[in-house]
N, C-alpha and C. Protein backbone atom coordinates (compact mmCIF):
# COMPACT_ATOMS: atom_id res chain seq x y z
N MET A 1 42.88 -24.18 -91.89
CA MET A 1 43.64 -25.25 -92.54
C MET A 1 44.63 -24.82 -93.02
N ARG A 2 45.23 -25.09 -92.30
CA ARG A 2 47.32 -25.26 -92.93
C ARG A 2 47.58 -26.18 -94.23
N VAL A 3 48.55 -25.67 -95.04
CA VAL A 3 48.49 -26.52 -96.33
C VAL A 3 49.83 -25.73 -96.25
N TYR A 4 50.61 -26.91 -96.79
CA TYR A 4 52.31 -27.02 -97.49
C TYR A 4 52.32 -27.13 -99.06
N PHE A 5 53.04 -26.25 -99.09
CA PHE A 5 53.59 -26.94 -100.67
C PHE A 5 54.53 -27.58 -101.47
N ASP A 6 54.76 -28.18 -101.92
CA ASP A 6 55.90 -28.33 -102.04
C ASP A 6 56.44 -27.36 -103.36
N SER A 7 57.80 -28.07 -103.97
CA SER A 7 58.92 -27.05 -104.47
C SER A 7 58.25 -27.31 -105.93
N TYR A 8 57.45 -28.01 -106.35
CA TYR A 8 57.51 -28.43 -107.51
C TYR A 8 55.20 -27.52 -107.94
N ALA A 9 54.51 -27.33 -106.46
CA ALA A 9 54.13 -26.82 -106.65
C ALA A 9 53.74 -25.40 -106.93
N LEU A 10 54.62 -24.77 -105.88
CA LEU A 10 54.39 -23.49 -105.59
C LEU A 10 55.08 -23.36 -107.29
N SER A 11 55.99 -23.66 -107.60
CA SER A 11 56.60 -23.25 -109.20
C SER A 11 55.59 -23.40 -110.22
N ARG A 12 54.61 -23.94 -109.96
CA ARG A 12 53.79 -24.60 -111.46
C ARG A 12 53.15 -23.09 -112.18
N PRO A 13 52.81 -22.41 -111.25
CA PRO A 13 52.25 -21.40 -112.10
C PRO A 13 53.42 -20.79 -112.91
N TYR A 14 54.57 -20.41 -112.76
CA TYR A 14 55.20 -20.24 -113.33
C TYR A 14 55.77 -20.74 -113.79
N ASP A 15 56.34 -21.93 -114.68
CA ASP A 15 56.17 -22.81 -115.79
C ASP A 15 55.79 -22.63 -117.23
N GLU A 16 56.89 -23.34 -117.65
CA GLU A 16 56.11 -22.83 -119.25
C GLU A 16 54.51 -24.22 -119.51
N TYR A 17 53.84 -23.36 -119.81
CA TYR A 17 52.75 -24.11 -119.99
C TYR A 17 52.74 -25.43 -121.53
N LEU A 18 53.67 -26.45 -121.39
CA LEU A 18 53.15 -27.01 -122.50
C LEU A 18 52.60 -27.80 -122.74
N ASN A 19 51.39 -28.31 -122.11
CA ASN A 19 50.60 -29.03 -121.87
C ASN A 19 49.21 -28.91 -121.55
N ASP A 20 48.25 -28.95 -121.43
CA ASP A 20 46.85 -28.98 -120.46
C ASP A 20 46.86 -29.39 -119.34
N GLU A 21 48.15 -29.90 -118.77
CA GLU A 21 47.61 -30.68 -117.47
C GLU A 21 48.35 -29.58 -116.35
N ILE A 22 49.53 -29.18 -117.24
CA ILE A 22 50.83 -28.02 -116.72
C ILE A 22 49.21 -27.25 -116.99
N VAL A 23 48.73 -27.00 -117.29
CA VAL A 23 47.70 -25.23 -117.79
C VAL A 23 46.88 -25.67 -116.58
N GLN A 24 45.72 -26.45 -116.06
CA GLN A 24 45.11 -27.02 -114.97
C GLN A 24 45.92 -27.52 -113.91
N GLU A 25 46.36 -27.58 -113.50
CA GLU A 25 47.60 -27.45 -112.14
C GLU A 25 47.92 -26.24 -111.74
N ALA A 26 48.38 -25.49 -113.19
CA ALA A 26 49.01 -24.00 -112.62
C ALA A 26 47.99 -23.25 -112.22
N GLU A 27 46.49 -23.34 -112.56
CA GLU A 27 45.18 -22.60 -112.48
C GLU A 27 45.04 -23.51 -111.08
N MET A 28 45.14 -24.43 -110.19
CA MET A 28 44.43 -25.07 -109.08
C MET A 28 45.17 -24.65 -108.49
N VAL A 29 47.00 -24.71 -108.50
CA VAL A 29 47.52 -23.49 -107.47
C VAL A 29 47.61 -22.36 -107.30
N GLU A 30 47.23 -21.82 -108.23
CA GLU A 30 46.56 -19.91 -108.08
C GLU A 30 45.20 -19.83 -107.95
N ASN A 31 44.50 -21.22 -107.67
CA ASN A 31 43.32 -20.94 -106.68
C ASN A 31 43.67 -20.91 -105.37
N ILE A 32 44.66 -21.81 -104.99
CA ILE A 32 44.47 -21.94 -103.61
C ILE A 32 45.56 -20.96 -103.40
N PHE A 33 46.29 -19.77 -103.69
CA PHE A 33 47.32 -18.97 -103.51
C PHE A 33 46.12 -17.73 -103.35
N ARG A 34 45.14 -17.50 -103.67
CA ARG A 34 44.24 -16.74 -103.59
C ARG A 34 43.25 -17.06 -102.80
N LEU A 35 42.75 -17.91 -101.97
CA LEU A 35 42.51 -18.48 -100.73
C LEU A 35 44.10 -18.40 -99.45
N VAL A 36 45.07 -18.36 -99.26
CA VAL A 36 46.18 -17.65 -98.67
C VAL A 36 45.66 -16.65 -98.60
N ASP A 37 45.43 -15.84 -99.81
CA ASP A 37 45.67 -14.06 -99.80
C ASP A 37 44.58 -13.94 -99.25
N LEU A 38 43.24 -14.69 -99.02
CA LEU A 38 41.99 -13.87 -98.62
C LEU A 38 42.24 -14.55 -97.03
N GLY A 39 42.72 -15.41 -97.13
CA GLY A 39 43.35 -15.92 -95.31
C GLY A 39 42.21 -17.41 -95.11
N SER A 40 41.70 -17.48 -96.10
CA SER A 40 41.05 -18.62 -95.50
C SER A 40 41.71 -19.89 -95.31
N LEU A 41 42.79 -19.98 -95.93
CA LEU A 41 43.95 -21.31 -95.69
C LEU A 41 44.92 -20.52 -95.39
N ILE A 42 46.23 -21.12 -94.22
CA ILE A 42 46.92 -20.89 -93.70
C ILE A 42 48.85 -21.35 -94.48
N LEU A 43 49.59 -20.35 -94.49
CA LEU A 43 50.22 -20.66 -95.48
C LEU A 43 51.35 -21.77 -94.82
N VAL A 44 52.27 -22.69 -95.22
CA VAL A 44 53.60 -23.48 -93.57
C VAL A 44 54.51 -23.03 -95.35
N ASP A 45 55.84 -23.53 -94.66
CA ASP A 45 56.93 -23.01 -95.06
C ASP A 45 57.65 -23.69 -94.32
N SER A 46 59.16 -23.92 -94.62
CA SER A 46 60.25 -24.69 -94.19
C SER A 46 61.44 -24.50 -94.81
N GLU A 47 61.91 -24.93 -93.74
CA GLU A 47 63.76 -25.14 -93.76
C GLU A 47 63.87 -26.03 -95.65
N VAL A 48 63.65 -26.58 -95.17
CA VAL A 48 63.66 -28.05 -96.85
C VAL A 48 63.64 -26.80 -97.67
N LEU A 49 62.37 -26.06 -97.65
CA LEU A 49 61.72 -24.99 -99.49
C LEU A 49 63.10 -24.20 -99.38
N ASP A 50 63.70 -23.77 -98.38
CA ASP A 50 64.58 -22.95 -98.57
C ASP A 50 65.61 -22.88 -99.24
N MET A 51 66.22 -24.41 -99.13
CA MET A 51 67.16 -24.97 -100.14
C MET A 51 66.82 -25.33 -101.66
N GLU A 52 64.59 -25.76 -101.52
CA GLU A 52 64.33 -26.02 -103.17
C GLU A 52 64.40 -24.88 -104.24
N THR A 53 63.93 -23.94 -102.91
CA THR A 53 64.52 -22.38 -104.09
C THR A 53 65.53 -21.98 -104.24
N GLN A 54 66.39 -21.91 -103.08
CA GLN A 54 67.46 -21.67 -103.94
C GLN A 54 68.08 -21.99 -105.03
N ALA A 55 67.44 -23.65 -105.16
CA ALA A 55 68.55 -24.10 -106.25
C ALA A 55 67.15 -23.84 -107.83
N ILE A 56 66.45 -22.37 -108.25
CA ILE A 56 65.42 -22.14 -108.66
C ILE A 56 66.81 -21.60 -109.44
N GLU A 57 67.41 -21.80 -110.82
CA GLU A 57 68.00 -20.69 -111.72
C GLU A 57 67.51 -19.53 -112.02
N ASP A 58 66.51 -19.63 -112.38
CA ASP A 58 65.72 -18.40 -113.15
C ASP A 58 64.90 -17.44 -112.14
N GLU A 59 65.52 -16.49 -112.16
CA GLU A 59 65.67 -15.27 -110.99
C GLU A 59 64.16 -15.15 -110.68
N GLU A 60 63.95 -14.93 -112.13
CA GLU A 60 62.24 -13.90 -112.12
C GLU A 60 60.79 -15.08 -111.23
N LYS A 61 61.37 -16.55 -111.68
CA LYS A 61 60.59 -17.83 -110.86
C LYS A 61 60.89 -17.71 -109.37
N ARG A 62 62.11 -17.94 -109.20
CA ARG A 62 62.70 -17.81 -107.94
C ARG A 62 62.25 -16.87 -107.19
N ALA A 63 62.21 -15.03 -107.84
CA ALA A 63 61.70 -14.16 -107.07
C ALA A 63 59.78 -14.24 -107.02
N ARG A 64 59.36 -14.92 -107.49
CA ARG A 64 57.89 -15.06 -107.25
C ARG A 64 57.50 -16.04 -106.19
N VAL A 65 58.34 -17.00 -106.67
CA VAL A 65 58.10 -18.34 -105.52
C VAL A 65 58.30 -18.06 -103.98
N ASN A 66 59.31 -16.80 -104.01
CA ASN A 66 59.94 -16.59 -102.48
C ASN A 66 58.45 -15.66 -102.44
N ALA A 67 58.21 -14.96 -102.94
CA ALA A 67 57.01 -13.94 -103.20
C ALA A 67 55.47 -14.69 -101.74
N ILE A 68 55.46 -15.33 -102.54
CA ILE A 68 53.87 -16.79 -102.22
C ILE A 68 54.70 -17.29 -101.11
N ARG A 69 55.66 -17.51 -100.48
CA ARG A 69 56.40 -18.04 -99.56
C ARG A 69 56.42 -16.49 -98.27
N SER A 70 56.74 -15.92 -98.82
CA SER A 70 56.86 -14.85 -97.82
C SER A 70 55.23 -14.23 -97.17
N LYS A 71 54.14 -15.38 -97.41
CA LYS A 71 52.81 -15.26 -96.80
C LYS A 71 53.01 -16.36 -95.73
N ALA A 72 53.74 -16.90 -95.81
CA ALA A 72 53.40 -18.43 -94.36
C ALA A 72 53.15 -17.39 -93.31
N LYS A 73 52.87 -18.57 -91.91
CA LYS A 73 52.24 -18.07 -90.76
C LYS A 73 53.01 -18.73 -90.03
N TYR A 74 54.09 -20.10 -90.59
CA TYR A 74 54.35 -21.12 -89.55
C TYR A 74 55.28 -21.99 -90.51
N TYR A 75 56.79 -21.84 -89.99
CA TYR A 75 57.91 -22.44 -90.39
C TYR A 75 58.17 -24.02 -89.35
N VAL A 76 58.81 -24.95 -90.47
CA VAL A 76 59.33 -26.18 -89.66
C VAL A 76 60.56 -26.42 -90.30
N THR A 77 61.22 -26.57 -89.15
CA THR A 77 62.47 -26.58 -89.60
C THR A 77 63.60 -27.82 -89.83
N LEU A 78 64.00 -27.98 -90.01
CA LEU A 78 64.81 -29.73 -90.21
C LEU A 78 65.29 -30.04 -88.87
N SER A 79 64.86 -30.21 -88.39
CA SER A 79 64.94 -30.93 -86.91
C SER A 79 65.22 -32.14 -86.91
N PRO A 80 66.25 -32.66 -85.73
CA PRO A 80 66.37 -34.44 -85.80
C PRO A 80 65.48 -34.85 -85.81
N GLU A 81 64.25 -34.85 -85.60
CA GLU A 81 63.07 -35.47 -85.57
C GLU A 81 62.91 -35.49 -87.30
N VAL A 82 62.41 -34.24 -87.62
CA VAL A 82 62.22 -34.14 -88.95
C VAL A 82 63.19 -35.61 -90.13
N LYS A 83 63.92 -34.88 -89.79
CA LYS A 83 65.55 -35.80 -90.56
C LYS A 83 65.28 -37.10 -90.59
N GLN A 84 64.82 -37.79 -89.08
CA GLN A 84 64.54 -38.87 -88.69
C GLN A 84 63.26 -39.69 -89.53
N ARG A 85 62.36 -39.14 -89.69
CA ARG A 85 61.34 -39.80 -89.78
C ARG A 85 61.28 -39.65 -91.55
N ALA A 86 62.17 -38.89 -91.44
CA ALA A 86 62.53 -38.49 -93.81
C ALA A 86 62.91 -40.22 -93.89
N LEU A 87 64.41 -40.15 -93.01
CA LEU A 87 64.63 -41.43 -93.88
C LEU A 87 63.79 -42.36 -93.68
N ARG A 88 62.70 -42.44 -92.68
CA ARG A 88 61.82 -43.44 -93.12
C ARG A 88 60.72 -44.44 -94.34
N PHE A 89 60.73 -42.60 -94.92
CA PHE A 89 59.67 -42.66 -96.40
C PHE A 89 60.97 -42.62 -97.21
N VAL A 90 62.46 -42.41 -97.63
CA VAL A 90 63.31 -42.81 -98.44
C VAL A 90 63.49 -44.78 -98.18
N GLU A 91 63.41 -44.94 -96.85
CA GLU A 91 63.54 -45.95 -96.80
C GLU A 91 62.61 -46.76 -97.94
N LEU A 92 61.36 -46.18 -98.30
CA LEU A 92 60.00 -46.80 -99.06
C LEU A 92 59.95 -46.44 -100.35
N GLY A 93 61.64 -45.67 -100.85
CA GLY A 93 61.64 -45.53 -102.03
C GLY A 93 61.04 -43.73 -102.40
N ILE A 94 60.97 -43.38 -101.10
CA ILE A 94 61.23 -42.07 -101.71
C ILE A 94 62.51 -40.65 -101.98
N LYS A 95 62.29 -40.04 -102.51
CA LYS A 95 63.77 -39.55 -103.20
C LYS A 95 63.77 -38.15 -101.71
N PRO A 96 64.96 -38.57 -101.31
CA PRO A 96 64.88 -38.12 -100.02
C PRO A 96 64.54 -36.34 -99.90
N MET A 97 65.08 -35.22 -100.80
CA MET A 97 64.49 -33.76 -100.80
C MET A 97 62.94 -33.96 -100.82
N ASP A 98 62.01 -34.92 -101.18
CA ASP A 98 60.86 -35.14 -101.28
C ASP A 98 59.52 -35.97 -100.15
N ALA A 99 60.77 -36.70 -99.52
CA ALA A 99 60.47 -37.74 -98.20
C ALA A 99 60.77 -36.23 -97.16
N LEU A 100 62.15 -35.06 -97.64
CA LEU A 100 61.75 -33.82 -96.44
C LEU A 100 60.82 -32.72 -96.67
N GLN A 101 60.43 -32.87 -97.47
CA GLN A 101 59.25 -31.86 -98.22
C GLN A 101 58.09 -32.80 -97.26
N LEU A 102 57.86 -33.85 -97.47
CA LEU A 102 55.98 -34.38 -97.01
C LEU A 102 55.96 -34.65 -95.44
N VAL A 103 57.62 -34.41 -94.78
CA VAL A 103 57.94 -34.56 -93.76
C VAL A 103 56.90 -33.19 -93.01
N SER A 104 58.19 -32.54 -92.94
CA SER A 104 57.34 -31.05 -92.97
C SER A 104 56.31 -30.60 -93.16
N ALA A 105 55.30 -30.97 -94.13
CA ALA A 105 54.33 -30.95 -94.91
C ALA A 105 52.86 -31.39 -92.96
N GLU A 106 54.12 -32.27 -92.64
CA GLU A 106 53.27 -33.38 -91.83
C GLU A 106 53.29 -33.11 -90.90
N LYS A 107 54.89 -32.26 -90.24
CA LYS A 107 54.58 -31.71 -88.81
C LYS A 107 54.25 -30.57 -88.71
N GLY A 108 53.77 -29.16 -89.92
CA GLY A 108 53.06 -28.02 -90.03
C GLY A 108 51.72 -27.89 -90.12
N ALA A 109 51.24 -28.72 -90.73
CA ALA A 109 50.09 -28.65 -92.09
C ALA A 109 48.96 -29.97 -91.91
N ASP A 110 47.84 -29.64 -92.63
CA ASP A 110 47.18 -30.54 -92.22
C ASP A 110 46.81 -30.68 -94.46
N VAL A 111 47.34 -30.22 -94.84
CA VAL A 111 46.96 -30.56 -96.42
C VAL A 111 48.15 -30.57 -97.29
N PHE A 112 49.10 -31.90 -97.72
CA PHE A 112 50.39 -31.61 -98.68
C PHE A 112 49.67 -31.39 -100.62
N ILE A 113 50.10 -30.62 -100.83
CA ILE A 113 49.73 -29.70 -101.80
C ILE A 113 50.77 -30.14 -102.95
N THR A 114 50.91 -31.21 -104.10
CA THR A 114 51.76 -31.37 -104.63
C THR A 114 52.15 -31.97 -106.07
N VAL A 115 52.23 -31.53 -106.88
CA VAL A 115 52.31 -31.73 -108.60
C VAL A 115 52.91 -32.64 -109.19
N ASP A 116 53.23 -33.36 -108.68
CA ASP A 116 54.73 -34.60 -108.37
C ASP A 116 54.09 -35.53 -109.17
N LYS A 117 54.08 -36.00 -109.93
CA LYS A 117 52.93 -37.57 -110.04
C LYS A 117 53.67 -38.82 -109.43
N ARG A 118 55.07 -39.02 -109.21
CA ARG A 118 55.43 -39.95 -108.65
C ARG A 118 55.18 -40.09 -107.12
N LEU A 119 55.57 -38.68 -106.49
CA LEU A 119 55.66 -38.91 -105.22
C LEU A 119 53.77 -38.74 -105.32
N CYS A 120 52.88 -38.78 -105.84
CA CYS A 120 51.28 -39.14 -105.29
C CYS A 120 51.14 -40.34 -105.22
């Protein structure tokens, strides 16, 4: 099974643990990372995650996220088709970067993982 983490989920284990919900989300994401390490799940990466990861100001956090991303077996580019499909989600009120991540997941993965409550 192929999984796609949006940038929020990828970085959740490296966020400050300000409340129980963040702790639980971080543990869930780390457990899924372990399944990727074991080969039980296949990680999908994307060009939009390149942009989102570059925007992470904390160098250590960015390096950790990139270490996870380096395990990906599939990569989704921002093709005209992906951009066009994302515009349909934007018309429904989803933020452009979230729409691009959602469509990237749709293109390459079986499962989309996010901790973004608004997107859920």
